[in-house]
Amino acid sequence: MKKRTFDIIVILLIAILLTTLNEFGLLEKSAKFMFIPILIFYYLGQYSVRKTKK
């Protein structure tokens, strides 16, 4: 998978997640836990970069 494609997919997934949480009013309650999915996607991105370098 190309890095650009992966970045676009991750941005869309985060946008969908945050929009859904905002619609249900859960964003204010769980704002302190928002860094967890961002960290997961960060490490997935690092893994993707290592795999695409080969």
PDB file of N, CA and C in Angstrom:
ATOM      1  N   MET A   1       0.854  -1.176   0.000  1.00  0.00           N
ATOM      2  CA  MET A   1       0.000   0.000   0.000  1.00  0.00           C
ATOM      3  C   MET A   1       0.900   1.240   0.000  1.00  0.00           C
ATOM      4  N   LYS A   2       0.569   2.175  -0.838  1.00  0.00           N
ATOM      5  CA  LYS A   2       1.366   3.391  -0.903  1.00  0.00           C
ATOM      6  C   LYS A   2       1.113   4.260   0.317  1.00  0.00           C
ATOM      7  N   LYS A   3       2.144   5.017   0.679  1.00  0.00           N
ATOM      8  CA  LYS A   3       2.055   5.862   1.879  1.00  0.00           C
ATOM      9  C   LYS A   3       0.940   6.883   1.750  1.00  0.00           C
ATOM     10  N   ARG A   4       0.787   7.466   0.587  1.00  0.00           N
ATOM     11  CA  ARG A   4      -0.250   8.485   0.364  1.00  0.00           C
ATOM     12  C   ARG A   4      -1.649   7.889   0.544  1.00  0.00           C
ATOM     13  N   THR A   5      -1.861   6.689   0.014  1.00  0.00           N
ATOM     14  CA  THR A   5      -3.151   6.013   0.152  1.00  0.00           C
ATOM     15  C   THR A   5      -3.441   5.704   1.612  1.00  0.00           C
ATOM     16  N   PHE A   6      -2.438   5.212   2.319  1.00  0.00           N
ATOM     17  CA  PHE A   6      -2.603   4.906   3.734  1.00  0.00           C
ATOM     18  C   PHE A   6      -2.940   6.162   4.528  1.00  0.00           C
ATOM     19  N   ASP A   7      -2.253   7.268   4.232  1.00  0.00           N
ATOM     20  CA  ASP A   7      -2.522   8.529   4.931  1.00  0.00           C
ATOM     21  C   ASP A   7      -3.959   8.989   4.709  1.00  0.00           C
ATOM     22  N   ILE A   8      -4.443   8.876   3.492  1.00  0.00           N
ATOM     23  CA  ILE A   8      -5.818   9.300   3.183  1.00  0.00           C
ATOM     24  C   ILE A   8      -6.823   8.424   3.918  1.00  0.00           C
ATOM     25  N   ILE A   9      -6.583   7.124   3.944  1.00  0.00           N
ATOM     26  CA  ILE A   9      -7.493   6.210   4.653  1.00  0.00           C
ATOM     27  C   ILE A   9      -7.517   6.532   6.144  1.00  0.00           C
ATOM     28  N   VAL A  10      -6.361   6.773   6.733  1.00  0.00           N
ATOM     29  CA  VAL A  10      -6.281   7.078   8.166  1.00  0.00           C
ATOM     30  C   VAL A  10      -6.992   8.388   8.476  1.00  0.00           C
ATOM     31  N   ILE A  11      -6.788   9.401   7.655  1.00  0.00           N
ATOM     32  CA  ILE A  11      -7.451  10.688   7.871  1.00  0.00           C
ATOM     33  C   ILE A  11      -8.963  10.527   7.800  1.00  0.00           C
ATOM     34  N   LEU A  12      -9.438   9.765   6.839  1.00  0.00           N
ATOM     35  CA  LEU A  12     -10.881   9.537   6.722  1.00  0.00           C
ATOM     36  C   LEU A  12     -11.436   8.769   7.922  1.00  0.00           C
ATOM     37  N   LEU A  13     -10.716   7.753   8.380  1.00  0.00           N
ATOM     38  CA  LEU A  13     -11.178   6.983   9.540  1.00  0.00           C
ATOM     39  C   LEU A  13     -11.236   7.839  10.803  1.00  0.00           C
ATOM     40  N   ILE A  14     -10.226   8.661  11.021  1.00  0.00           N
ATOM     41  CA  ILE A  14     -10.225   9.538  12.194  1.00  0.00           C
ATOM     42  C   ILE A  14     -11.360  10.558  12.092  1.00  0.00           C
ATOM     43  N   ALA A  15     -11.579  11.101  10.894  1.00  0.00           N
ATOM     44  CA  ALA A  15     -12.657  12.070  10.701  1.00  0.00           C
ATOM     45  C   ALA A  15     -14.017  11.438  10.961  1.00  0.00           C
ATOM     46  N   ILE A  16     -14.225  10.220  10.475  1.00  0.00           N
ATOM     47  CA  ILE A  16     -15.490   9.518  10.710  1.00  0.00           C
ATOM     48  C   ILE A  16     -15.684   9.227  12.186  1.00  0.00           C
ATOM     49  N   LEU A  17     -14.613   8.772  12.849  1.00  0.00           N
ATOM     50  CA  LEU A  17     -14.695   8.475  14.282  1.00  0.00           C
ATOM     51  C   LEU A  17     -15.042   9.718  15.089  1.00  0.00           C
ATOM     52  N   LEU A  18     -14.347  10.810  14.831  1.00  0.00           N
ATOM     53  CA  LEU A  18     -14.593  12.034  15.594  1.00  0.00           C
ATOM     54  C   LEU A  18     -15.964  12.630  15.288  1.00  0.00           C
ATOM     55  N   THR A  19     -16.407  12.550  14.044  1.00  0.00           N
ATOM     56  CA  THR A  19     -17.737  13.045  13.684  1.00  0.00           C
ATOM     57  C   THR A  19     -18.823  12.227  14.368  1.00  0.00           C
ATOM     58  N   THR A  20     -18.656  10.913  14.392  1.00  0.00           N
ATOM     59  CA  THR A  20     -19.630  10.043  15.051  1.00  0.00           C
ATOM     60  C   THR A  20     -19.697  10.332  16.548  1.00  0.00           C
ATOM     61  N   LEU A  21     -18.544  10.449  17.180  1.00  0.00           N
ATOM     62  CA  LEU A  21     -18.526  10.754  18.608  1.00  0.00           C
ATOM     63  C   LEU A  21     -19.151  12.113  18.903  1.00  0.00           C
ATOM     64  N   ASN A  22     -18.941  13.070  18.020  1.00  0.00           N
ATOM     65  CA  ASN A  22     -19.513  14.393  18.206  1.00  0.00           C
ATOM     66  C   ASN A  22     -21.031  14.365  18.053  1.00  0.00           C
ATOM     67  N   GLU A  23     -21.537  13.595  17.106  1.00  0.00           N
ATOM     68  CA  GLU A  23     -22.989  13.501  16.883  1.00  0.00           C
ATOM     69  C   GLU A  23     -23.709  12.891  18.084  1.00  0.00           C
ATOM     70  N   PHE A  24     -23.071  11.943  18.745  1.00  0.00           N
ATOM     71  CA  PHE A  24     -23.675  11.308  19.908  1.00  0.00           C
ATOM     72  C   PHE A  24     -23.380  12.048  21.206  1.00  0.00           C
ATOM     73  N   GLY A  25     -22.638  13.137  21.117  1.00  0.00           N
ATOM     74  CA  GLY A  25     -22.329  13.923  22.304  1.00  0.00           C
ATOM     75  C   GLY A  25     -21.296  13.283  23.215  1.00  0.00           C
ATOM     76  N   LEU A  26     -20.531  12.363  22.687  1.00  0.00           N
ATOM     77  CA  LEU A  26     -19.541  11.665  23.499  1.00  0.00           C
ATOM     78  C   LEU A  26     -18.152  12.292  23.411  1.00  0.00           C
ATOM     79  N   LEU A  27     -18.005  13.259  22.548  1.00  0.00           N
ATOM     80  CA  LEU A  27     -16.675  13.829  22.338  1.00  0.00           C
ATOM     81  C   LEU A  27     -16.177  14.573  23.571  1.00  0.00           C
ATOM     82  N   GLU A  28     -17.064  15.282  24.241  1.00  0.00           N
ATOM     83  CA  GLU A  28     -16.649  16.015  25.429  1.00  0.00           C
ATOM     84  C   GLU A  28     -16.301  15.071  26.569  1.00  0.00           C
ATOM     85  N   LYS A  29     -17.049  13.981  26.666  1.00  0.00           N
ATOM     86  CA  LYS A  29     -16.814  13.032  27.753  1.00  0.00           C
ATOM     87  C   LYS A  29     -15.535  12.225  27.556  1.00  0.00           C
ATOM     88  N   SER A  30     -15.197  11.932  26.305  1.00  0.00           N
ATOM     89  CA  SER A  30     -14.053  11.059  26.048  1.00  0.00           C
ATOM     90  C   SER A  30     -12.882  11.779  25.403  1.00  0.00           C
ATOM     91  N   ALA A  31     -12.824  13.083  25.549  1.00  0.00           N
ATOM     92  CA  ALA A  31     -11.752  13.852  24.913  1.00  0.00           C
ATOM     93  C   ALA A  31     -10.376  13.447  25.438  1.00  0.00           C
ATOM     94  N   LYS A  32     -10.314  13.053  26.680  1.00  0.00           N
ATOM     95  CA  LYS A  32      -9.015  12.669  27.237  1.00  0.00           C
ATOM     96  C   LYS A  32      -8.514  11.344  26.671  1.00  0.00           C
ATOM     97  N   PHE A  33      -9.391  10.567  26.029  1.00  0.00           N
ATOM     98  CA  PHE A  33      -8.989   9.291  25.454  1.00  0.00           C
ATOM     99  C   PHE A  33      -8.773   9.363  23.944  1.00  0.00           C
ATOM    100  N   MET A  34      -8.849  10.543  23.367  1.00  0.00           N
ATOM    101  CA  MET A  34      -8.704  10.687  21.923  1.00  0.00           C
ATOM    102  C   MET A  34      -7.290  10.393  21.438  1.00  0.00           C
ATOM    103  N   PHE A  35      -6.309  10.487  22.323  1.00  0.00           N
ATOM    104  CA  PHE A  35      -4.941  10.240  21.894  1.00  0.00           C
ATOM    105  C   PHE A  35      -4.694   8.764  21.623  1.00  0.00           C
ATOM    106  N   ILE A  36      -5.507   7.871  22.154  1.00  0.00           N
ATOM    107  CA  ILE A  36      -5.291   6.432  21.969  1.00  0.00           C
ATOM    108  C   ILE A  36      -5.447   6.028  20.501  1.00  0.00           C
ATOM    109  N   PRO A  37      -6.562   6.366  19.812  1.00  0.00           N
ATOM    110  CA  PRO A  37      -6.631   6.005  18.390  1.00  0.00           C
ATOM    111  C   PRO A  37      -5.571   6.721  17.556  1.00  0.00           C
ATOM    112  N   ILE A  38      -5.223   7.940  17.935  1.00  0.00           N
ATOM    113  CA  ILE A  38      -4.205   8.662  17.182  1.00  0.00           C
ATOM    114  C   ILE A  38      -2.859   7.966  17.333  1.00  0.00           C
ATOM    115  N   LEU A  39      -2.532   7.497  18.518  1.00  0.00           N
ATOM    116  CA  LEU A  39      -1.287   6.753  18.714  1.00  0.00           C
ATOM    117  C   LEU A  39      -1.293   5.440  17.944  1.00  0.00           C
ATOM    118  N   ILE A  40      -2.428   4.753  17.935  1.00  0.00           N
ATOM    119  CA  ILE A  40      -2.538   3.496  17.184  1.00  0.00           C
ATOM    120  C   ILE A  40      -2.278   3.747  15.710  1.00  0.00           C
ATOM    121  N   PHE A  41      -2.891   4.792  15.156  1.00  0.00           N
ATOM    122  CA  PHE A  41      -2.684   5.104  13.753  1.00  0.00           C
ATOM    123  C   PHE A  41      -1.252   5.568  13.483  1.00  0.00           C
ATOM    124  N   TYR A  42      -0.646   6.228  14.448  1.00  0.00           N
ATOM    125  CA  TYR A  42       0.748   6.640  14.298  1.00  0.00           C
ATOM    126  C   TYR A  42       1.658   5.423  14.153  1.00  0.00           C
ATOM    127  N   TYR A  43       1.467   4.438  15.031  1.00  0.00           N
ATOM    128  CA  TYR A  43       2.301   3.246  14.956  1.00  0.00           C
ATOM    129  C   TYR A  43       1.992   2.423  13.718  1.00  0.00           C
ATOM    130  N   LEU A  44       0.745   2.388  13.290  1.00  0.00           N
ATOM    131  CA  LEU A  44       0.420   1.724  12.030  1.00  0.00           C
ATOM    132  C   LEU A  44       1.103   2.429  10.860  1.00  0.00           C
ATOM    133  N   GLY A  45       1.164   3.746  10.921  1.00  0.00           N
ATOM    134  CA  GLY A  45       1.851   4.506   9.880  1.00  0.00           C
ATOM    135  C   GLY A  45       3.342   4.218   9.859  1.00  0.00           C
ATOM    136  N   GLN A  46       3.952   4.115  11.019  1.00  0.00           N
ATOM    137  CA  GLN A  46       5.371   3.778  11.089  1.00  0.00           C
ATOM    138  C   GLN A  46       5.622   2.387  10.500  1.00  0.00           C
ATOM    139  N   TYR A  47       4.744   1.454  10.807  1.00  0.00           N
ATOM    140  CA  TYR A  47       4.847   0.093  10.270  1.00  0.00           C
ATOM    141  C   TYR A  47       4.683   0.111   8.756  1.00  0.00           C
ATOM    142  N   SER A  48       3.733   0.897   8.266  1.00  0.00           N
ATOM    143  CA  SER A  48       3.492   0.992   6.830  1.00  0.00           C
ATOM    144  C   SER A  48       4.700   1.576   6.107  1.00  0.00           C
ATOM    145  N   VAL A  49       5.335   2.583   6.686  1.00  0.00           N
ATOM    146  CA  VAL A  49       6.511   3.191   6.060  1.00  0.00           C
ATOM    147  C   VAL A  49       7.641   2.166   5.973  1.00  0.00           C
ATOM    148  N   ARG A  50       7.832   1.380   7.016  1.00  0.00           N
ATOM    149  CA  ARG A  50       8.885   0.371   6.993  1.00  0.00           C
ATOM    150  C   ARG A  50       8.617  -0.676   5.932  1.00  0.00           C
ATOM    151  N   LYS A  51       7.363  -1.052   5.751  1.00  0.00           N
ATOM    152  CA  LYS A  51       7.007  -2.075   4.761  1.00  0.00           C
ATOM    153  C   LYS A  51       7.119  -1.550   3.339  1.00  0.00           C
ATOM    154  N   THR A  52       6.835  -0.268   3.115  1.00  0.00           N
ATOM    155  CA  THR A  52       6.867   0.266   1.753  1.00  0.00           C
ATOM    156  C   THR A  52       8.282   0.647   1.310  1.00  0.00           C
ATOM    157  N   LYS A  53       9.227   0.726   2.234  1.00  0.00           N
ATOM    158  CA  LYS A  53      10.597   1.060   1.855  1.00  0.00           C
ATOM    159  C   LYS A  53      11.264  -0.090   1.106  1.00  0.00           C
ATOM    160  N   LYS A  54      10.835  -1.305   1.343  1.00  0.00           N
ATOM    161  CA  LYS A  54      11.472  -2.484   0.744  1.00  0.00           C
ATOM    162  C   LYS A  54      11.141  -2.619  -0.712  1.00  0.00           C
TER     163      LYS A  54
END
